[in-house]
Amino acid sequence: MTVVKKQLIQAQADHKKVFFVTHFAPQEANLWRRPTQAEVSDKMARHYEMMRAMYGSQRLGNLLQEYTNVKWVGYGHLHGQHADLTLGPTSYYHAAVGVKKKRRNEWQAPTFMDQWQKQLQVFDI
């Protein structure tokens, strides 16, 4: 985090807009909610907590929110489609293509290239 913070401080001092790209989700709002005990067993609840630790970090999200020059954040990793999220001056974009397997198909297009193109976005910086 120290390196990222130093880079954000320098970008702010240089009056640069930042498009931050990370693999993991930087906002808890982008993560799946924790199932209630009524929905899952104790074992499933523990599994959920273990998996959620790998999905992203609110700590990074808090750091990004400290800098008003962070205008855009792109991230992937999470499965499925997630709507864009705007918090303060920062917009968060989930750009993952998703997976296509026998048991789980997250694509809305017939081929990888079609799905990839569907997920592409253009940003005017």
N, C-alpha and C. Protein backbone atom coordinates (compact mmCIF):
# COMPACT_ATOMS: atom_id res chain seq x y z
N MET A 1 0.81 -1.19 0.00
CA MET A 1 0.00 0.00 0.00
C MET A 1 0.86 1.26 0.00
N THR A 2 2.02 1.17 0.60
CA THR A 2 2.90 2.34 0.69
C THR A 2 3.29 2.85 -0.69
N VAL A 3 3.61 1.94 -1.60
CA VAL A 3 4.00 2.34 -2.96
C VAL A 3 2.83 3.01 -3.67
N VAL A 4 1.65 2.43 -3.55
CA VAL A 4 0.46 2.99 -4.19
C VAL A 4 0.19 4.39 -3.62
N LYS A 5 0.28 4.53 -2.33
CA LYS A 5 0.02 5.83 -1.70
C LYS A 5 1.02 6.87 -2.20
N LYS A 6 2.29 6.52 -2.29
CA LYS A 6 3.30 7.45 -2.79
C LYS A 6 2.98 7.87 -4.23
N GLN A 7 2.56 6.92 -5.05
CA GLN A 7 2.22 7.23 -6.44
C GLN A 7 0.99 8.14 -6.52
N LEU A 8 0.01 7.91 -5.67
CA LEU A 8 -1.19 8.76 -5.66
C LEU A 8 -0.86 10.18 -5.19
N ILE A 9 0.00 10.28 -4.21
CA ILE A 9 0.43 11.60 -3.72
C ILE A 9 1.15 12.35 -4.83
N GLN A 10 2.05 11.65 -5.55
CA GLN A 10 2.80 12.29 -6.63
C GLN A 10 1.86 12.72 -7.77
N ALA A 11 0.92 11.86 -8.12
CA ALA A 11 -0.04 12.20 -9.18
C ALA A 11 -0.86 13.42 -8.79
N GLN A 12 -1.25 13.49 -7.53
CA GLN A 12 -2.02 14.65 -7.07
C GLN A 12 -1.17 15.92 -7.11
N ALA A 13 0.09 15.82 -6.69
CA ALA A 13 0.99 16.97 -6.72
C ALA A 13 1.23 17.45 -8.15
N ASP A 14 1.22 16.52 -9.10
CA ASP A 14 1.44 16.85 -10.51
C ASP A 14 0.13 17.22 -11.23
N HIS A 15 -0.97 17.28 -10.48
CA HIS A 15 -2.29 17.63 -11.03
C HIS A 15 -2.71 16.67 -12.14
N LYS A 16 -2.47 15.39 -11.93
CA LYS A 16 -2.84 14.36 -12.91
C LYS A 16 -4.11 13.64 -12.48
N LYS A 17 -4.95 13.34 -13.46
CA LYS A 17 -6.11 12.49 -13.22
C LYS A 17 -5.60 11.05 -13.22
N VAL A 18 -6.19 10.22 -12.38
CA VAL A 18 -5.73 8.84 -12.24
C VAL A 18 -6.82 7.88 -12.70
N PHE A 19 -6.40 6.93 -13.53
CA PHE A 19 -7.22 5.75 -13.87
C PHE A 19 -6.49 4.58 -13.24
N PHE A 20 -7.01 4.10 -12.13
CA PHE A 20 -6.36 3.05 -11.35
C PHE A 20 -6.90 1.70 -11.80
N VAL A 21 -6.01 0.78 -12.14
CA VAL A 21 -6.42 -0.56 -12.59
C VAL A 21 -5.88 -1.60 -11.61
N THR A 22 -6.77 -2.45 -11.17
CA THR A 22 -6.40 -3.50 -10.23
C THR A 22 -7.17 -4.78 -10.56
N HIS A 23 -6.65 -5.89 -10.15
CA HIS A 23 -7.32 -7.16 -10.41
C HIS A 23 -8.52 -7.35 -9.47
N PHE A 24 -8.34 -7.00 -8.21
CA PHE A 24 -9.35 -7.28 -7.20
C PHE A 24 -10.30 -6.11 -6.99
N ALA A 25 -11.50 -6.39 -6.53
CA ALA A 25 -12.51 -5.36 -6.27
C ALA A 25 -12.07 -4.48 -5.10
N PRO A 26 -12.02 -3.16 -5.30
CA PRO A 26 -11.55 -2.28 -4.23
C PRO A 26 -12.66 -1.69 -3.35
N GLN A 27 -13.89 -2.06 -3.59
CA GLN A 27 -15.00 -1.54 -2.79
C GLN A 27 -15.87 -2.68 -2.30
N GLU A 28 -16.19 -2.67 -1.03
CA GLU A 28 -17.04 -3.71 -0.46
C GLU A 28 -18.40 -3.77 -1.15
N ALA A 29 -18.87 -2.63 -1.63
CA ALA A 29 -20.16 -2.58 -2.33
C ALA A 29 -20.16 -3.46 -3.58
N ASN A 30 -18.97 -3.75 -4.11
CA ASN A 30 -18.87 -4.59 -5.30
C ASN A 30 -18.87 -6.08 -4.97
N LEU A 31 -18.74 -6.41 -3.70
CA LEU A 31 -18.64 -7.82 -3.30
C LEU A 31 -20.01 -8.38 -2.94
N TRP A 32 -20.12 -9.70 -3.03
CA TRP A 32 -21.36 -10.35 -2.64
C TRP A 32 -21.59 -10.15 -1.15
N ARG A 33 -22.85 -10.00 -0.81
CA ARG A 33 -23.17 -9.85 0.61
C ARG A 33 -22.98 -11.18 1.33
N ARG A 34 -22.75 -11.09 2.62
CA ARG A 34 -22.56 -12.29 3.43
C ARG A 34 -23.92 -12.95 3.63
N PRO A 35 -24.01 -14.24 3.32
CA PRO A 35 -25.29 -14.94 3.53
C PRO A 35 -25.65 -14.96 5.03
N THR A 36 -26.93 -14.88 5.33
CA THR A 36 -27.34 -14.96 6.72
C THR A 36 -27.22 -16.40 7.19
N GLN A 37 -27.17 -16.58 8.49
CA GLN A 37 -27.04 -17.92 9.05
C GLN A 37 -28.19 -18.80 8.62
N ALA A 38 -29.36 -18.20 8.42
CA ALA A 38 -30.53 -18.98 8.00
C ALA A 38 -30.36 -19.53 6.59
N GLU A 39 -29.50 -18.90 5.79
CA GLU A 39 -29.32 -19.33 4.40
C GLU A 39 -28.25 -20.41 4.24
N VAL A 40 -27.30 -20.45 5.16
CA VAL A 40 -26.18 -21.38 5.01
C VAL A 40 -25.80 -22.03 6.33
N SER A 41 -25.07 -23.11 6.22
CA SER A 41 -24.55 -23.78 7.41
C SER A 41 -23.33 -23.03 7.94
N ASP A 42 -22.88 -23.40 9.13
CA ASP A 42 -21.66 -22.80 9.69
C ASP A 42 -20.47 -23.04 8.77
N LYS A 43 -20.40 -24.23 8.20
CA LYS A 43 -19.30 -24.58 7.30
C LYS A 43 -19.32 -23.66 6.06
N MET A 44 -20.50 -23.45 5.50
CA MET A 44 -20.62 -22.57 4.33
C MET A 44 -20.27 -21.13 4.69
N ALA A 45 -20.65 -20.68 5.87
CA ALA A 45 -20.33 -19.32 6.31
C ALA A 45 -18.82 -19.14 6.43
N ARG A 46 -18.12 -20.12 6.97
CA ARG A 46 -16.65 -20.05 7.07
C ARG A 46 -16.02 -20.05 5.68
N HIS A 47 -16.55 -20.88 4.80
CA HIS A 47 -16.05 -20.95 3.42
C HIS A 47 -16.24 -19.59 2.74
N TYR A 48 -17.39 -18.99 2.94
CA TYR A 48 -17.67 -17.68 2.35
C TYR A 48 -16.65 -16.65 2.83
N GLU A 49 -16.37 -16.61 4.13
CA GLU A 49 -15.41 -15.64 4.67
C GLU A 49 -14.02 -15.86 4.08
N MET A 50 -13.63 -17.10 3.92
CA MET A 50 -12.33 -17.41 3.34
C MET A 50 -12.27 -16.95 1.88
N MET A 51 -13.31 -17.23 1.12
CA MET A 51 -13.34 -16.84 -0.29
C MET A 51 -13.41 -15.32 -0.45
N ARG A 52 -14.20 -14.68 0.37
CA ARG A 52 -14.37 -13.24 0.25
C ARG A 52 -13.05 -12.49 0.46
N ALA A 53 -12.19 -13.05 1.28
CA ALA A 53 -10.89 -12.43 1.51
C ALA A 53 -10.08 -12.36 0.21
N MET A 54 -10.38 -13.22 -0.73
CA MET A 54 -9.65 -13.24 -2.01
C MET A 54 -10.29 -12.37 -3.08
N TYR A 55 -11.48 -11.84 -2.83
CA TYR A 55 -12.20 -11.07 -3.85
C TYR A 55 -11.77 -9.62 -3.94
N GLY A 56 -11.37 -9.04 -2.83
CA GLY A 56 -11.00 -7.63 -2.88
C GLY A 56 -10.71 -7.06 -1.52
N SER A 57 -10.46 -5.75 -1.48
CA SER A 57 -10.06 -5.10 -0.24
C SER A 57 -10.66 -3.71 -0.12
N GLN A 58 -11.46 -3.52 0.92
CA GLN A 58 -11.98 -2.19 1.20
C GLN A 58 -10.86 -1.25 1.61
N ARG A 59 -9.78 -1.80 2.14
CA ARG A 59 -8.63 -0.97 2.53
C ARG A 59 -8.10 -0.21 1.32
N LEU A 60 -7.99 -0.88 0.18
CA LEU A 60 -7.57 -0.20 -1.05
C LEU A 60 -8.62 0.82 -1.47
N GLY A 61 -9.88 0.47 -1.38
CA GLY A 61 -10.95 1.40 -1.72
C GLY A 61 -10.91 2.66 -0.88
N ASN A 62 -10.65 2.51 0.41
CA ASN A 62 -10.55 3.67 1.30
C ASN A 62 -9.39 4.57 0.89
N LEU A 63 -8.26 3.96 0.52
CA LEU A 63 -7.11 4.74 0.07
C LEU A 63 -7.44 5.51 -1.20
N LEU A 64 -8.06 4.85 -2.16
CA LEU A 64 -8.42 5.51 -3.42
C LEU A 64 -9.38 6.67 -3.20
N GLN A 65 -10.31 6.51 -2.25
CA GLN A 65 -11.29 7.56 -1.98
C GLN A 65 -10.67 8.80 -1.34
N GLU A 66 -9.47 8.67 -0.79
CA GLU A 66 -8.78 9.82 -0.18
C GLU A 66 -8.29 10.83 -1.22
N TYR A 67 -8.19 10.41 -2.48
CA TYR A 67 -7.60 11.25 -3.52
C TYR A 67 -8.65 11.61 -4.56
N THR A 68 -9.00 12.88 -4.63
CA THR A 68 -10.05 13.32 -5.55
C THR A 68 -9.60 13.27 -7.00
N ASN A 69 -8.31 13.08 -7.24
CA ASN A 69 -7.83 12.97 -8.62
C ASN A 69 -7.95 11.54 -9.15
N VAL A 70 -8.36 10.59 -8.31
CA VAL A 70 -8.64 9.23 -8.79
C VAL A 70 -10.05 9.28 -9.37
N LYS A 71 -10.13 9.33 -10.69
CA LYS A 71 -11.41 9.51 -11.37
C LYS A 71 -12.06 8.19 -11.77
N TRP A 72 -11.22 7.22 -12.11
CA TRP A 72 -11.72 5.94 -12.60
C TRP A 72 -10.93 4.80 -11.97
N VAL A 73 -11.62 3.71 -11.69
CA VAL A 73 -10.98 2.49 -11.21
C VAL A 73 -11.55 1.34 -12.02
N GLY A 74 -10.67 0.58 -12.65
CA GLY A 74 -11.07 -0.62 -13.37
C GLY A 74 -10.60 -1.84 -12.60
N TYR A 75 -11.45 -2.83 -12.50
CA TYR A 75 -11.09 -4.06 -11.79
C TYR A 75 -11.76 -5.25 -12.45
N GLY A 76 -11.32 -6.43 -12.10
CA GLY A 76 -11.88 -7.66 -12.65
C GLY A 76 -12.13 -8.65 -11.54
N HIS A 77 -11.72 -9.85 -11.74
CA HIS A 77 -11.72 -10.95 -10.78
C HIS A 77 -13.10 -11.49 -10.40
N LEU A 78 -14.06 -10.63 -10.09
CA LEU A 78 -15.37 -11.13 -9.67
C LEU A 78 -16.09 -11.77 -10.85
N HIS A 79 -16.84 -12.80 -10.57
CA HIS A 79 -17.60 -13.47 -11.61
C HIS A 79 -18.91 -12.74 -11.84
N GLY A 80 -19.44 -12.87 -13.03
CA GLY A 80 -20.72 -12.26 -13.35
C GLY A 80 -20.57 -10.82 -13.79
N GLN A 81 -21.69 -10.19 -14.07
CA GLN A 81 -21.73 -8.80 -14.50
C GLN A 81 -22.08 -7.92 -13.31
N HIS A 82 -21.37 -6.81 -13.16
CA HIS A 82 -21.62 -5.88 -12.07
C HIS A 82 -21.81 -4.49 -12.65
N ALA A 83 -22.81 -3.80 -12.17
CA ALA A 83 -23.07 -2.44 -12.64
C ALA A 83 -21.93 -1.51 -12.20
N ASP A 84 -21.72 -0.46 -12.98
CA ASP A 84 -20.74 0.55 -12.60
C ASP A 84 -21.17 1.18 -11.28
N LEU A 85 -20.21 1.65 -10.52
CA LEU A 85 -20.46 2.23 -9.21
C LEU A 85 -19.72 3.55 -9.13
N THR A 86 -20.38 4.61 -8.69
CA THR A 86 -19.73 5.90 -8.49
C THR A 86 -19.82 6.28 -7.03
N LEU A 87 -18.66 6.56 -6.44
CA LEU A 87 -18.57 7.01 -5.05
C LEU A 87 -17.76 8.30 -5.06
N GLY A 88 -18.40 9.39 -4.72
CA GLY A 88 -17.71 10.68 -4.77
C GLY A 88 -17.25 10.96 -6.19
N PRO A 89 -15.99 11.37 -6.35
CA PRO A 89 -15.50 11.70 -7.69
C PRO A 89 -15.00 10.49 -8.49
N THR A 90 -15.13 9.29 -7.91
CA THR A 90 -14.53 8.10 -8.51
C THR A 90 -15.59 7.14 -9.04
N SER A 91 -15.38 6.68 -10.28
CA SER A 91 -16.26 5.68 -10.88
C SER A 91 -15.51 4.36 -10.98
N TYR A 92 -16.19 3.28 -10.58
CA TYR A 92 -15.62 1.94 -10.56
C TYR A 92 -16.25 1.11 -11.67
N TYR A 93 -15.40 0.45 -12.46
CA TYR A 93 -15.86 -0.34 -13.61
C TYR A 93 -15.36 -1.77 -13.49
N HIS A 94 -16.27 -2.72 -13.54
CA HIS A 94 -15.93 -4.14 -13.50
C HIS A 94 -15.80 -4.62 -14.94
N ALA A 95 -14.60 -5.00 -15.32
CA ALA A 95 -14.34 -5.32 -16.73
C ALA A 95 -14.09 -6.79 -17.01
N ALA A 96 -14.44 -7.66 -16.08
CA ALA A 96 -14.18 -9.08 -16.28
C ALA A 96 -15.02 -9.66 -17.41
N VAL A 97 -14.43 -10.57 -18.16
CA VAL A 97 -15.13 -11.26 -19.25
C VAL A 97 -16.03 -12.36 -18.69
N GLY A 98 -15.60 -12.96 -17.59
CA GLY A 98 -16.36 -14.05 -17.00
C GLY A 98 -15.84 -15.40 -17.47
N VAL A 99 -16.48 -16.45 -17.03
CA VAL A 99 -16.07 -17.81 -17.40
C VAL A 99 -17.18 -18.47 -18.20
N LYS A 100 -16.75 -19.43 -19.00
CA LYS A 100 -17.71 -20.23 -19.75
C LYS A 100 -17.28 -21.68 -19.62
N LYS A 101 -17.98 -22.39 -18.75
CA LYS A 101 -17.70 -23.80 -18.50
C LYS A 101 -19.01 -24.57 -18.54
N LYS A 102 -18.91 -25.88 -18.49
CA LYS A 102 -20.12 -26.70 -18.52
C LYS A 102 -21.09 -26.34 -17.41
N ARG A 103 -20.57 -26.18 -16.19
CA ARG A 103 -21.43 -25.95 -15.04
C ARG A 103 -21.73 -24.48 -14.78
N ARG A 104 -20.98 -23.58 -15.40
CA ARG A 104 -21.18 -22.15 -15.14
C ARG A 104 -20.87 -21.36 -16.40
N ASN A 105 -21.87 -20.66 -16.89
CA ASN A 105 -21.68 -19.85 -18.09
C ASN A 105 -22.12 -18.41 -17.77
N GLU A 106 -21.13 -17.52 -17.73
CA GLU A 106 -21.42 -16.12 -17.42
C GLU A 106 -21.44 -15.24 -18.67
N TRP A 107 -21.24 -15.83 -19.81
CA TRP A 107 -21.19 -15.04 -21.04
C TRP A 107 -22.59 -14.72 -21.54
N GLN A 108 -22.71 -13.55 -22.16
CA GLN A 108 -23.93 -13.17 -22.84
C GLN A 108 -23.73 -13.19 -24.35
N ALA A 109 -22.53 -13.59 -24.78
CA ALA A 109 -22.19 -13.64 -26.20
C ALA A 109 -21.71 -15.05 -26.54
N PRO A 110 -21.76 -15.42 -27.81
CA PRO A 110 -21.44 -16.81 -28.19
C PRO A 110 -19.95 -17.16 -28.16
N THR A 111 -19.05 -16.20 -28.39
CA THR A 111 -17.62 -16.49 -28.44
C THR A 111 -16.86 -15.60 -27.47
N PHE A 112 -15.62 -16.01 -27.18
CA PHE A 112 -14.78 -15.20 -26.29
C PHE A 112 -14.59 -13.79 -26.85
N MET A 113 -14.27 -13.68 -28.13
CA MET A 113 -14.03 -12.36 -28.72
C MET A 113 -15.28 -11.48 -28.64
N ASP A 114 -16.44 -12.07 -28.89
CA ASP A 114 -17.69 -11.30 -28.79
C ASP A 114 -17.93 -10.84 -27.35
N GLN A 115 -17.68 -11.73 -26.40
CA GLN A 115 -17.86 -11.38 -24.98
C GLN A 115 -16.85 -10.31 -24.56
N TRP A 116 -15.62 -10.44 -25.00
CA TRP A 116 -14.57 -9.47 -24.68
C TRP A 116 -14.94 -8.10 -25.23
N GLN A 117 -15.38 -8.07 -26.48
CA GLN A 117 -15.77 -6.79 -27.09
C GLN A 117 -16.97 -6.17 -26.38
N LYS A 118 -17.88 -7.02 -25.91
CA LYS A 118 -19.04 -6.54 -25.18
C LYS A 118 -18.63 -5.83 -23.90
N GLN A 119 -17.54 -6.29 -23.26
CA GLN A 119 -17.08 -5.72 -22.01
C GLN A 119 -16.19 -4.48 -22.18
N LEU A 120 -15.70 -4.25 -23.39
CA LEU A 120 -14.82 -3.10 -23.61
C LEU A 120 -15.54 -1.78 -23.39
N GLN A 121 -14.82 -0.83 -22.82
CA GLN A 121 -15.36 0.51 -22.64
C GLN A 121 -14.30 1.51 -23.06
N VAL A 122 -14.72 2.64 -23.58
CA VAL A 122 -13.81 3.71 -23.98
C VAL A 122 -13.93 4.84 -22.97
N PHE A 123 -12.82 5.33 -22.52
CA PHE A 123 -12.78 6.42 -21.53
C PHE A 123 -12.09 7.61 -22.14
N ASP A 124 -12.71 8.77 -22.06
CA ASP A 124 -12.07 10.02 -22.48
C ASP A 124 -11.37 10.61 -21.27
N ILE A 125 -10.04 10.60 -21.35
CA ILE A 125 -9.24 11.07 -20.21
C ILE A 125 -8.67 12.43 -20.50
